[in-house]
Structures are given as C-alpha cells and as structure tokens.
mmCIF file of all heavy atoms, coordinates in Angstrom:
data_MODEL
# 
_entry.id   MODEL 
# 
loop_
_atom_site.group_PDB 
_atom_site.id 
_atom_site.type_symbol 
_atom_site.label_atom_id 
_atom_site.label_alt_id 
_atom_site.label_comp_id 
_atom_site.label_asym_id 
_atom_site.label_entity_id 
_atom_site.label_seq_id 
_atom_site.pdbx_PDB_ins_code 
_atom_site.Cartn_x 
_atom_site.Cartn_y 
_atom_site.Cartn_z 
_atom_site.occupancy 
_atom_site.B_iso_or_equiv 
_atom_site.pdbx_formal_charge 
_atom_site.auth_seq_id 
_atom_site.auth_comp_id 
_atom_site.auth_asym_id 
_atom_site.auth_atom_id 
_atom_site.pdbx_PDB_model_num 
ATOM 1   N N   . ARG A 1 1  ? -116.322 112.308 -103.101 1.00 0.00 ? 1  ARG A N   1 
ATOM 2   C CA  . ARG A 1 1  ? -117.216 111.445 -102.165 1.00 0.00 ? 1  ARG A CA  1 
ATOM 3   C C   . ARG A 1 1  ? -116.552 110.181 -101.807 1.00 0.00 ? 1  ARG A C   1 
ATOM 4   O O   . ARG A 1 1  ? -117.325 109.147 -101.535 1.00 0.00 ? 1  ARG A O   1 
ATOM 5   C CB  . ARG A 1 1  ? -118.508 111.336 -102.931 1.00 0.00 ? 1  ARG A CB  1 
ATOM 6   C CG  . ARG A 1 1  ? -119.357 112.458 -103.150 1.00 0.00 ? 1  ARG A CG  1 
ATOM 7   C CD  . ARG A 1 1  ? -120.670 112.211 -103.809 1.00 0.00 ? 1  ARG A CD  1 
ATOM 8   N NE  . ARG A 1 1  ? -121.515 111.324 -102.897 1.00 0.00 ? 1  ARG A NE  1 
ATOM 9   C CZ  . ARG A 1 1  ? -122.580 110.745 -103.314 1.00 0.00 ? 1  ARG A CZ  1 
ATOM 10  N NH1 . ARG A 1 1  ? -123.055 110.905 -104.454 1.00 0.00 ? 1  ARG A NH1 1 
ATOM 11  N NH2 . ARG A 1 1  ? -123.367 109.942 -102.429 1.00 0.00 ? 1  ARG A NH2 1 
ATOM 12  N N   . SER A 1 2  ? -115.384 110.148 -101.580 1.00 0.00 ? 2  SER A N   1 
ATOM 13  C CA  . SER A 1 2  ? -114.669 108.753 -101.291 1.00 0.00 ? 2  SER A CA  1 
ATOM 14  C C   . SER A 1 2  ? -114.349 108.785 -99.801  1.00 0.00 ? 2  SER A C   1 
ATOM 15  O O   . SER A 1 2  ? -114.444 109.830 -99.149  1.00 0.00 ? 2  SER A O   1 
ATOM 16  C CB  . SER A 1 2  ? -113.353 108.702 -102.013 1.00 0.00 ? 2  SER A CB  1 
ATOM 17  O OG  . SER A 1 2  ? -112.341 109.664 -101.500 1.00 0.00 ? 2  SER A OG  1 
ATOM 18  N N   . ILE A 1 3  ? -114.104 107.575 -99.284  1.00 0.00 ? 3  ILE A N   1 
ATOM 19  C CA  . ILE A 1 3  ? -113.752 107.474 -97.833  1.00 0.00 ? 3  ILE A CA  1 
ATOM 20  C C   . ILE A 1 3  ? -112.512 108.185 -97.519  1.00 0.00 ? 3  ILE A C   1 
ATOM 21  O O   . ILE A 1 3  ? -112.331 108.680 -96.377  1.00 0.00 ? 3  ILE A O   1 
ATOM 22  C CB  . ILE A 1 3  ? -113.593 105.947 -97.433  1.00 0.00 ? 3  ILE A CB  1 
ATOM 23  C CG1 . ILE A 1 3  ? -113.364 105.785 -96.002  1.00 0.00 ? 3  ILE A CG1 1 
ATOM 24  C CG2 . ILE A 1 3  ? -112.419 105.364 -98.217  1.00 0.00 ? 3  ILE A CG2 1 
ATOM 25  C CD1 . ILE A 1 3  ? -114.679 106.161 -95.168  1.00 0.00 ? 3  ILE A CD1 1 
ATOM 26  N N   . TYR A 1 4  ? -111.674 108.338 -98.496  1.00 0.00 ? 4  TYR A N   1 
ATOM 27  C CA  . TYR A 1 4  ? -110.310 109.200 -98.252  1.00 0.00 ? 4  TYR A CA  1 
ATOM 28  C C   . TYR A 1 4  ? -110.672 110.630 -97.904  1.00 0.00 ? 4  TYR A C   1 
ATOM 29  O O   . TYR A 1 4  ? -110.160 111.242 -97.036  1.00 0.00 ? 4  TYR A O   1 
ATOM 30  C CB  . TYR A 1 4  ? -109.440 109.076 -99.523  1.00 0.00 ? 4  TYR A CB  1 
ATOM 31  C CG  . TYR A 1 4  ? -108.366 110.095 -99.518  1.00 0.00 ? 4  TYR A CG  1 
ATOM 32  C CD1 . TYR A 1 4  ? -107.121 109.578 -98.892  1.00 0.00 ? 4  TYR A CD1 1 
ATOM 33  C CD2 . TYR A 1 4  ? -108.392 111.388 -100.018 1.00 0.00 ? 4  TYR A CD2 1 
ATOM 34  C CE1 . TYR A 1 4  ? -106.012 110.467 -98.794  1.00 0.00 ? 4  TYR A CE1 1 
ATOM 35  C CE2 . TYR A 1 4  ? -107.313 112.236 -99.836  1.00 0.00 ? 4  TYR A CE2 1 
ATOM 36  C CZ  . TYR A 1 4  ? -106.051 111.783 -99.303  1.00 0.00 ? 4  TYR A CZ  1 
ATOM 37  O OH  . TYR A 1 4  ? -105.004 112.660 -99.240  1.00 0.00 ? 4  TYR A OH  1 
ATOM 38  N N   . LYS A 1 5  ? -111.540 111.136 -98.811  1.00 0.00 ? 5  LYS A N   1 
ATOM 39  C CA  . LYS A 1 5  ? -111.894 112.601 -98.552  1.00 0.00 ? 5  LYS A CA  1 
ATOM 40  C C   . LYS A 1 5  ? -112.626 112.741 -97.200  1.00 0.00 ? 5  LYS A C   1 
ATOM 41  O O   . LYS A 1 5  ? -112.432 113.700 -96.466  1.00 0.00 ? 5  LYS A O   1 
ATOM 42  C CB  . LYS A 1 5  ? -112.860 113.016 -99.700  1.00 0.00 ? 5  LYS A CB  1 
ATOM 43  C CG  . LYS A 1 5  ? -113.474 114.358 -99.557  1.00 0.00 ? 5  LYS A CG  1 
ATOM 44  C CD  . LYS A 1 5  ? -112.460 115.468 -99.733  1.00 0.00 ? 5  LYS A CD  1 
ATOM 45  C CE  . LYS A 1 5  ? -113.086 116.855 -99.843  1.00 0.00 ? 5  LYS A CE  1 
ATOM 46  N NZ  . LYS A 1 5  ? -112.014 117.940 -99.842  1.00 0.00 ? 5  LYS A NZ  1 
ATOM 47  N N   . ALA A 1 6  ? -113.487 111.817 -96.921  1.00 0.00 ? 6  ALA A N   1 
ATOM 48  C CA  . ALA A 1 6  ? -114.305 111.871 -95.627  1.00 0.00 ? 6  ALA A CA  1 
ATOM 49  C C   . ALA A 1 6  ? -113.323 111.808 -94.358  1.00 0.00 ? 6  ALA A C   1 
ATOM 50  O O   . ALA A 1 6  ? -113.498 112.565 -93.474  1.00 0.00 ? 6  ALA A O   1 
ATOM 51  C CB  . ALA A 1 6  ? -115.265 110.729 -95.491  1.00 0.00 ? 6  ALA A CB  1 
ATOM 52  N N   . LEU A 1 7  ? -112.253 110.861 -94.402  1.00 0.00 ? 7  LEU A N   1 
ATOM 53  C CA  . LEU A 1 7  ? -111.337 110.873 -93.285  1.00 0.00 ? 7  LEU A CA  1 
ATOM 54  C C   . LEU A 1 7  ? -110.437 112.173 -93.201  1.00 0.00 ? 7  LEU A C   1 
ATOM 55  O O   . LEU A 1 7  ? -110.257 112.537 -92.105  1.00 0.00 ? 7  LEU A O   1 
ATOM 56  C CB  . LEU A 1 7  ? -110.541 109.607 -93.558  1.00 0.00 ? 7  LEU A CB  1 
ATOM 57  C CG  . LEU A 1 7  ? -110.888 108.295 -92.990  1.00 0.00 ? 7  LEU A CG  1 
ATOM 58  C CD1 . LEU A 1 7  ? -109.960 107.125 -93.388  1.00 0.00 ? 7  LEU A CD1 1 
ATOM 59  C CD2 . LEU A 1 7  ? -111.062 108.316 -91.373  1.00 0.00 ? 7  LEU A CD2 1 
ATOM 60  N N   . ILE A 1 8  ? -109.955 112.569 -94.399  1.00 0.00 ? 8  ILE A N   1 
ATOM 61  C CA  . ILE A 1 8  ? -109.122 113.656 -94.316  1.00 0.00 ? 8  ILE A CA  1 
ATOM 62  C C   . ILE A 1 8  ? -109.798 114.986 -93.793  1.00 0.00 ? 8  ILE A C   1 
ATOM 63  O O   . ILE A 1 8  ? -109.208 115.780 -93.190  1.00 0.00 ? 8  ILE A O   1 
ATOM 64  C CB  . ILE A 1 8  ? -108.464 113.952 -95.742  1.00 0.00 ? 8  ILE A CB  1 
ATOM 65  C CG1 . ILE A 1 8  ? -107.595 112.808 -96.154  1.00 0.00 ? 8  ILE A CG1 1 
ATOM 66  C CG2 . ILE A 1 8  ? -107.658 115.159 -95.794  1.00 0.00 ? 8  ILE A CG2 1 
ATOM 67  C CD1 . ILE A 1 8  ? -106.440 112.458 -95.177  1.00 0.00 ? 8  ILE A CD1 1 
ATOM 68  N N   . ASP A 1 9  ? -111.075 115.104 -93.995  1.00 0.00 ? 9  ASP A N   1 
ATOM 69  C CA  . ASP A 1 9  ? -111.848 116.278 -93.656  1.00 0.00 ? 9  ASP A CA  1 
ATOM 70  C C   . ASP A 1 9  ? -112.635 116.125 -92.359  1.00 0.00 ? 9  ASP A C   1 
ATOM 71  O O   . ASP A 1 9  ? -113.210 117.079 -92.021  1.00 0.00 ? 9  ASP A O   1 
ATOM 72  C CB  . ASP A 1 9  ? -112.727 116.645 -94.795  1.00 0.00 ? 9  ASP A CB  1 
ATOM 73  C CG  . ASP A 1 9  ? -112.048 117.184 -96.018  1.00 0.00 ? 9  ASP A CG  1 
ATOM 74  O OD1 . ASP A 1 9  ? -110.819 117.434 -95.923  1.00 0.00 ? 9  ASP A OD1 1 
ATOM 75  O OD2 . ASP A 1 9  ? -112.697 117.405 -97.071  1.00 0.00 ? 9  ASP A OD2 1 
ATOM 76  N N   . VAL A 1 10 ? -112.632 114.955 -91.857  1.00 0.00 ? 10 VAL A N   1 
ATOM 77  C CA  . VAL A 1 10 ? -113.552 114.750 -90.667  1.00 0.00 ? 10 VAL A CA  1 
ATOM 78  C C   . VAL A 1 10 ? -113.197 115.666 -89.509  1.00 0.00 ? 10 VAL A C   1 
ATOM 79  O O   . VAL A 1 10 ? -114.143 116.074 -88.748  1.00 0.00 ? 10 VAL A O   1 
ATOM 80  C CB  . VAL A 1 10 ? -113.486 113.248 -90.221  1.00 0.00 ? 10 VAL A CB  1 
ATOM 81  C CG1 . VAL A 1 10 ? -112.088 112.983 -89.620  1.00 0.00 ? 10 VAL A CG1 1 
ATOM 82  C CG2 . VAL A 1 10 ? -114.555 113.020 -89.181  1.00 0.00 ? 10 VAL A CG2 1 
ATOM 83  N N   . ASP A 1 11 ? -111.948 116.102 -89.207  1.00 0.00 ? 11 ASP A N   1 
ATOM 84  C CA  . ASP A 1 11 ? -111.607 116.882 -88.064  1.00 0.00 ? 11 ASP A CA  1 
ATOM 85  C C   . ASP A 1 11 ? -111.547 118.486 -88.391  1.00 0.00 ? 11 ASP A C   1 
ATOM 86  O O   . ASP A 1 11 ? -111.030 119.274 -87.655  1.00 0.00 ? 11 ASP A O   1 
ATOM 87  C CB  . ASP A 1 11 ? -110.255 116.423 -87.533  1.00 0.00 ? 11 ASP A CB  1 
ATOM 88  C CG  . ASP A 1 11 ? -109.096 116.594 -88.434  1.00 0.00 ? 11 ASP A CG  1 
ATOM 89  O OD1 . ASP A 1 11 ? -109.358 116.811 -89.768  1.00 0.00 ? 11 ASP A OD1 1 
ATOM 90  O OD2 . ASP A 1 11 ? -108.032 116.589 -88.021  1.00 0.00 ? 11 ASP A OD2 1 
ATOM 91  N N   . HIS A 1 12 ? -112.052 118.837 -89.718  1.00 0.00 ? 12 HIS A N   1 
ATOM 92  C CA  . HIS A 1 12 ? -112.016 120.280 -89.988  1.00 0.00 ? 12 HIS A CA  1 
ATOM 93  C C   . HIS A 1 12 ? -112.926 121.035 -89.069  1.00 0.00 ? 12 HIS A C   1 
ATOM 94  O O   . HIS A 1 12 ? -114.014 120.562 -88.792  1.00 0.00 ? 12 HIS A O   1 
ATOM 95  C CB  . HIS A 1 12 ? -112.502 120.474 -91.403  1.00 0.00 ? 12 HIS A CB  1 
ATOM 96  C CG  . HIS A 1 12 ? -111.416 120.216 -92.396  1.00 0.00 ? 12 HIS A CG  1 
ATOM 97  N ND1 . HIS A 1 12 ? -111.534 120.502 -93.684  1.00 0.00 ? 12 HIS A ND1 1 
ATOM 98  C CD2 . HIS A 1 12 ? -110.198 119.653 -92.315  1.00 0.00 ? 12 HIS A CD2 1 
ATOM 99  C CE1 . HIS A 1 12 ? -110.363 120.170 -94.348  1.00 0.00 ? 12 HIS A CE1 1 
ATOM 100 N NE2 . HIS A 1 12 ? -109.529 119.675 -93.513  1.00 0.00 ? 12 HIS A NE2 1 
ATOM 101 N N   . ASP A 1 13 ? -112.520 122.164 -88.565  1.00 0.00 ? 13 ASP A N   1 
ATOM 102 C CA  . ASP A 1 13 ? -113.360 122.995 -87.763  1.00 0.00 ? 13 ASP A CA  1 
ATOM 103 C C   . ASP A 1 13 ? -114.548 123.626 -88.532  1.00 0.00 ? 13 ASP A C   1 
ATOM 104 O O   . ASP A 1 13 ? -115.677 123.669 -87.973  1.00 0.00 ? 13 ASP A O   1 
ATOM 105 C CB  . ASP A 1 13 ? -112.477 124.087 -87.148  1.00 0.00 ? 13 ASP A CB  1 
ATOM 106 C CG  . ASP A 1 13 ? -111.498 123.635 -86.133  1.00 0.00 ? 13 ASP A CG  1 
ATOM 107 O OD1 . ASP A 1 13 ? -111.789 122.536 -85.567  1.00 0.00 ? 13 ASP A OD1 1 
ATOM 108 O OD2 . ASP A 1 13 ? -110.419 124.266 -85.996  1.00 0.00 ? 13 ASP A OD2 1 
ATOM 109 N N   . VAL A 1 14 ? -114.318 123.876 -89.778  1.00 0.00 ? 14 VAL A N   1 
ATOM 110 C CA  . VAL A 1 14 ? -115.419 124.549 -90.608  1.00 0.00 ? 14 VAL A CA  1 
ATOM 111 C C   . VAL A 1 14 ? -115.736 123.284 -91.635  1.00 0.00 ? 14 VAL A C   1 
ATOM 112 O O   . VAL A 1 14 ? -115.054 122.705 -92.296  1.00 0.00 ? 14 VAL A O   1 
ATOM 113 C CB  . VAL A 1 14 ? -114.917 125.582 -91.424  1.00 0.00 ? 14 VAL A CB  1 
ATOM 114 C CG1 . VAL A 1 14 ? -115.947 126.236 -92.367  1.00 0.00 ? 14 VAL A CG1 1 
ATOM 115 C CG2 . VAL A 1 14 ? -114.346 126.744 -90.554  1.00 0.00 ? 14 VAL A CG2 1 
ATOM 116 N N   . ASN A 1 15 ? -117.140 122.983 -91.581  1.00 0.00 ? 15 ASN A N   1 
ATOM 117 C CA  . ASN A 1 15 ? -117.724 122.019 -92.456  1.00 0.00 ? 15 ASN A CA  1 
ATOM 118 C C   . ASN A 1 15 ? -117.010 120.659 -92.376  1.00 0.00 ? 15 ASN A C   1 
ATOM 119 O O   . ASN A 1 15 ? -116.485 120.108 -93.372  1.00 0.00 ? 15 ASN A O   1 
ATOM 120 C CB  . ASN A 1 15 ? -117.836 122.392 -93.897  1.00 0.00 ? 15 ASN A CB  1 
ATOM 121 C CG  . ASN A 1 15 ? -118.690 123.637 -94.081  1.00 0.00 ? 15 ASN A CG  1 
ATOM 122 O OD1 . ASN A 1 15 ? -119.639 123.750 -93.354  1.00 0.00 ? 15 ASN A OD1 1 
ATOM 123 N ND2 . ASN A 1 15 ? -118.213 124.514 -94.934  1.00 0.00 ? 15 ASN A ND2 1 
ATOM 124 N N   . PRO A 1 16 ? -116.992 120.025 -91.201  1.00 0.00 ? 16 PRO A N   1 
ATOM 125 C CA  . PRO A 1 16 ? -116.299 118.768 -91.007  1.00 0.00 ? 16 PRO A CA  1 
ATOM 126 C C   . PRO A 1 16 ? -117.154 117.672 -91.706  1.00 0.00 ? 16 PRO A C   1 
ATOM 127 O O   . PRO A 1 16 ? -118.346 117.793 -91.972  1.00 0.00 ? 16 PRO A O   1 
ATOM 128 C CB  . PRO A 1 16 ? -116.436 118.368 -89.438  1.00 0.00 ? 16 PRO A CB  1 
ATOM 129 C CG  . PRO A 1 16 ? -117.392 119.317 -88.945  1.00 0.00 ? 16 PRO A CG  1 
ATOM 130 C CD  . PRO A 1 16 ? -117.457 120.508 -89.827  1.00 0.00 ? 16 PRO A CD  1 
ATOM 131 N N   . SER A 1 17 ? -116.534 116.473 -91.987  1.00 0.00 ? 17 SER A N   1 
ATOM 132 C CA  . SER A 1 17 ? -117.191 115.491 -92.814  1.00 0.00 ? 17 SER A CA  1 
ATOM 133 C C   . SER A 1 17 ? -118.340 114.849 -92.072  1.00 0.00 ? 17 SER A C   1 
ATOM 134 O O   . SER A 1 17 ? -118.259 114.598 -90.882  1.00 0.00 ? 17 SER A O   1 
ATOM 135 C CB  . SER A 1 17 ? -116.125 114.443 -93.157  1.00 0.00 ? 17 SER A CB  1 
ATOM 136 O OG  . SER A 1 17 ? -115.162 114.882 -93.925  1.00 0.00 ? 17 SER A OG  1 
ATOM 137 N N   . ASN A 1 18 ? -119.393 114.705 -92.791  1.00 0.00 ? 18 ASN A N   1 
ATOM 138 C CA  . ASN A 1 18 ? -120.605 113.923 -92.328  1.00 0.00 ? 18 ASN A CA  1 
ATOM 139 C C   . ASN A 1 18 ? -120.650 112.671 -93.189  1.00 0.00 ? 18 ASN A C   1 
ATOM 140 O O   . ASN A 1 18 ? -120.895 112.750 -94.350  1.00 0.00 ? 18 ASN A O   1 
ATOM 141 C CB  . ASN A 1 18 ? -121.801 114.808 -92.439  1.00 0.00 ? 18 ASN A CB  1 
ATOM 142 C CG  . ASN A 1 18 ? -123.069 114.042 -92.084  1.00 0.00 ? 18 ASN A CG  1 
ATOM 143 O OD1 . ASN A 1 18 ? -123.083 112.854 -91.747  1.00 0.00 ? 18 ASN A OD1 1 
ATOM 144 N ND2 . ASN A 1 18 ? -124.193 114.717 -91.826  1.00 0.00 ? 18 ASN A ND2 1 
ATOM 145 N N   . ILE A 1 19 ? -120.465 111.454 -92.599  1.00 0.00 ? 19 ILE A N   1 
ATOM 146 C CA  . ILE A 1 19 ? -120.367 110.246 -93.311  1.00 0.00 ? 19 ILE A CA  1 
ATOM 147 C C   . ILE A 1 19 ? -121.595 110.038 -94.250  1.00 0.00 ? 19 ILE A C   1 
ATOM 148 O O   . ILE A 1 19 ? -121.535 109.460 -95.368  1.00 0.00 ? 19 ILE A O   1 
ATOM 149 C CB  . ILE A 1 19 ? -120.114 109.084 -92.433  1.00 0.00 ? 19 ILE A CB  1 
ATOM 150 C CG1 . ILE A 1 19 ? -119.792 107.709 -93.194  1.00 0.00 ? 19 ILE A CG1 1 
ATOM 151 C CG2 . ILE A 1 19 ? -121.354 108.792 -91.497  1.00 0.00 ? 19 ILE A CG2 1 
ATOM 152 C CD1 . ILE A 1 19 ? -118.655 107.840 -94.002  1.00 0.00 ? 19 ILE A CD1 1 
ATOM 153 N N   . GLU A 1 20 ? -122.688 110.604 -93.869  1.00 0.00 ? 20 GLU A N   1 
ATOM 154 C CA  . GLU A 1 20 ? -123.897 110.360 -94.620  1.00 0.00 ? 20 GLU A CA  1 
ATOM 155 C C   . GLU A 1 20 ? -123.868 111.023 -96.004  1.00 0.00 ? 20 GLU A C   1 
ATOM 156 O O   . GLU A 1 20 ? -124.494 110.618 -96.875  1.00 0.00 ? 20 GLU A O   1 
ATOM 157 C CB  . GLU A 1 20 ? -125.193 110.805 -93.801  1.00 0.00 ? 20 GLU A CB  1 
ATOM 158 C CG  . GLU A 1 20 ? -125.426 110.034 -92.595  1.00 0.00 ? 20 GLU A CG  1 
ATOM 159 C CD  . GLU A 1 20 ? -126.723 110.409 -91.853  1.00 0.00 ? 20 GLU A CD  1 
ATOM 160 O OE1 . GLU A 1 20 ? -127.829 110.262 -92.383  1.00 0.00 ? 20 GLU A OE1 1 
ATOM 161 O OE2 . GLU A 1 20 ? -126.551 111.029 -90.720  1.00 0.00 ? 20 GLU A OE2 1 
ATOM 162 N N   . ASP A 1 21 ? -123.090 112.081 -96.119  1.00 0.00 ? 21 ASP A N   1 
ATOM 163 C CA  . ASP A 1 21 ? -122.863 112.704 -97.369  1.00 0.00 ? 21 ASP A CA  1 
ATOM 164 C C   . ASP A 1 21 ? -121.982 111.876 -98.372  1.00 0.00 ? 21 ASP A C   1 
ATOM 165 O O   . ASP A 1 21 ? -122.020 112.178 -99.512  1.00 0.00 ? 21 ASP A O   1 
ATOM 166 C CB  . ASP A 1 21 ? -122.153 114.041 -97.189  1.00 0.00 ? 21 ASP A CB  1 
ATOM 167 C CG  . ASP A 1 21 ? -122.947 115.063 -96.375  1.00 0.00 ? 21 ASP A CG  1 
ATOM 168 O OD1 . ASP A 1 21 ? -124.153 114.963 -96.437  1.00 0.00 ? 21 ASP A OD1 1 
ATOM 169 O OD2 . ASP A 1 21 ? -122.376 115.895 -95.700  1.00 0.00 ? 21 ASP A OD2 1 
ATOM 170 N N   . PHE A 1 22 ? -121.389 110.823 -97.869  1.00 0.00 ? 22 PHE A N   1 
ATOM 171 C CA  . PHE A 1 22 ? -120.530 110.002 -98.694  1.00 0.00 ? 22 PHE A CA  1 
ATOM 172 C C   . PHE A 1 22 ? -121.144 108.596 -99.019  1.00 0.00 ? 22 PHE A C   1 
ATOM 173 O O   . PHE A 1 22 ? -120.571 107.805 -99.761  1.00 0.00 ? 22 PHE A O   1 
ATOM 174 C CB  . PHE A 1 22 ? -119.145 109.753 -97.948  1.00 0.00 ? 22 PHE A CB  1 
ATOM 175 C CG  . PHE A 1 22 ? -118.456 111.102 -97.814  1.00 0.00 ? 22 PHE A CG  1 
ATOM 176 C CD1 . PHE A 1 22 ? -118.704 111.908 -96.788  1.00 0.00 ? 22 PHE A CD1 1 
ATOM 177 C CD2 . PHE A 1 22 ? -117.458 111.446 -98.772  1.00 0.00 ? 22 PHE A CD2 1 
ATOM 178 C CE1 . PHE A 1 22 ? -118.059 113.156 -96.619  1.00 0.00 ? 22 PHE A CE1 1 
ATOM 179 C CE2 . PHE A 1 22 ? -116.720 112.650 -98.506  1.00 0.00 ? 22 PHE A CE2 1 
ATOM 180 C CZ  . PHE A 1 22 ? -117.060 113.374 -97.504  1.00 0.00 ? 22 PHE A CZ  1 
ATOM 181 N N   . ILE A 1 23 ? -122.239 108.399 -98.512  1.00 0.00 ? 23 ILE A N   1 
ATOM 182 C CA  . ILE A 1 23 ? -122.911 107.070 -98.727  1.00 0.00 ? 23 ILE A CA  1 
ATOM 183 C C   . ILE A 1 23 ? -123.697 107.081 -100.111 1.00 0.00 ? 23 ILE A C   1 
ATOM 184 O O   . ILE A 1 23 ? -124.471 107.994 -100.401 1.00 0.00 ? 23 ILE A O   1 
ATOM 185 C CB  . ILE A 1 23 ? -123.934 106.820 -97.570  1.00 0.00 ? 23 ILE A CB  1 
ATOM 186 C CG1 . ILE A 1 23 ? -123.096 106.645 -96.282  1.00 0.00 ? 23 ILE A CG1 1 
ATOM 187 C CG2 . ILE A 1 23 ? -124.792 105.439 -97.858  1.00 0.00 ? 23 ILE A CG2 1 
ATOM 188 C CD1 . ILE A 1 23 ? -124.074 106.551 -95.144  1.00 0.00 ? 23 ILE A CD1 1 
ATOM 189 N N   . ARG A 1 24 ? -123.520 106.020 -100.879 1.00 0.00 ? 24 ARG A N   1 
ATOM 190 C CA  . ARG A 1 24 ? -124.208 105.826 -102.121 1.00 0.00 ? 24 ARG A CA  1 
ATOM 191 C C   . ARG A 1 24 ? -125.044 104.642 -102.169 1.00 0.00 ? 24 ARG A C   1 
ATOM 192 O O   . ARG A 1 24 ? -124.656 103.680 -101.502 1.00 0.00 ? 24 ARG A O   1 
ATOM 193 C CB  . ARG A 1 24 ? -123.211 105.779 -103.253 1.00 0.00 ? 24 ARG A CB  1 
ATOM 194 C CG  . ARG A 1 24 ? -122.219 106.892 -103.562 1.00 0.00 ? 24 ARG A CG  1 
ATOM 195 C CD  . ARG A 1 24 ? -121.326 106.390 -104.616 1.00 0.00 ? 24 ARG A CD  1 
ATOM 196 N NE  . ARG A 1 24 ? -120.414 107.520 -105.232 1.00 0.00 ? 24 ARG A NE  1 
ATOM 197 C CZ  . ARG A 1 24 ? -119.810 107.444 -106.375 1.00 0.00 ? 24 ARG A CZ  1 
ATOM 198 N NH1 . ARG A 1 24 ? -119.863 106.350 -107.024 1.00 0.00 ? 24 ARG A NH1 1 
ATOM 199 N NH2 . ARG A 1 24 ? -119.127 108.522 -106.763 1.00 0.00 ? 24 ARG A NH2 1 
ATOM 200 N N   . SER A 1 25 ? -126.074 104.607 -102.865 1.00 0.00 ? 25 SER A N   1 
ATOM 201 C CA  . SER A 1 25 ? -126.862 103.412 -103.097 1.00 0.00 ? 25 SER A CA  1 
ATOM 202 C C   . SER A 1 25 ? -126.170 102.577 -104.207 1.00 0.00 ? 25 SER A C   1 
ATOM 203 O O   . SER A 1 25 ? -125.616 103.079 -105.142 1.00 0.00 ? 25 SER A O   1 
ATOM 204 C CB  . SER A 1 25 ? -128.263 103.767 -103.650 1.00 0.00 ? 25 SER A CB  1 
ATOM 205 O OG  . SER A 1 25 ? -128.922 102.605 -104.017 1.00 0.00 ? 25 SER A OG  1 
# 
C-alpha cells in the first residue's frame, strides 16, 4: 500500500492502481 507500489502498477492493463486504495487515515 505504498506510493512505490501505486506508481509501479498504475499503467498495468489488468487492475491498474487506484490511488484511493493506497490512502490511509
């Protein structure tokens, strides 16, 4: 759930990153 994971996966054709999945309170 880190920004690294979000960035690396953002351009995946299957299940690309959604930033809202990485936001924590």
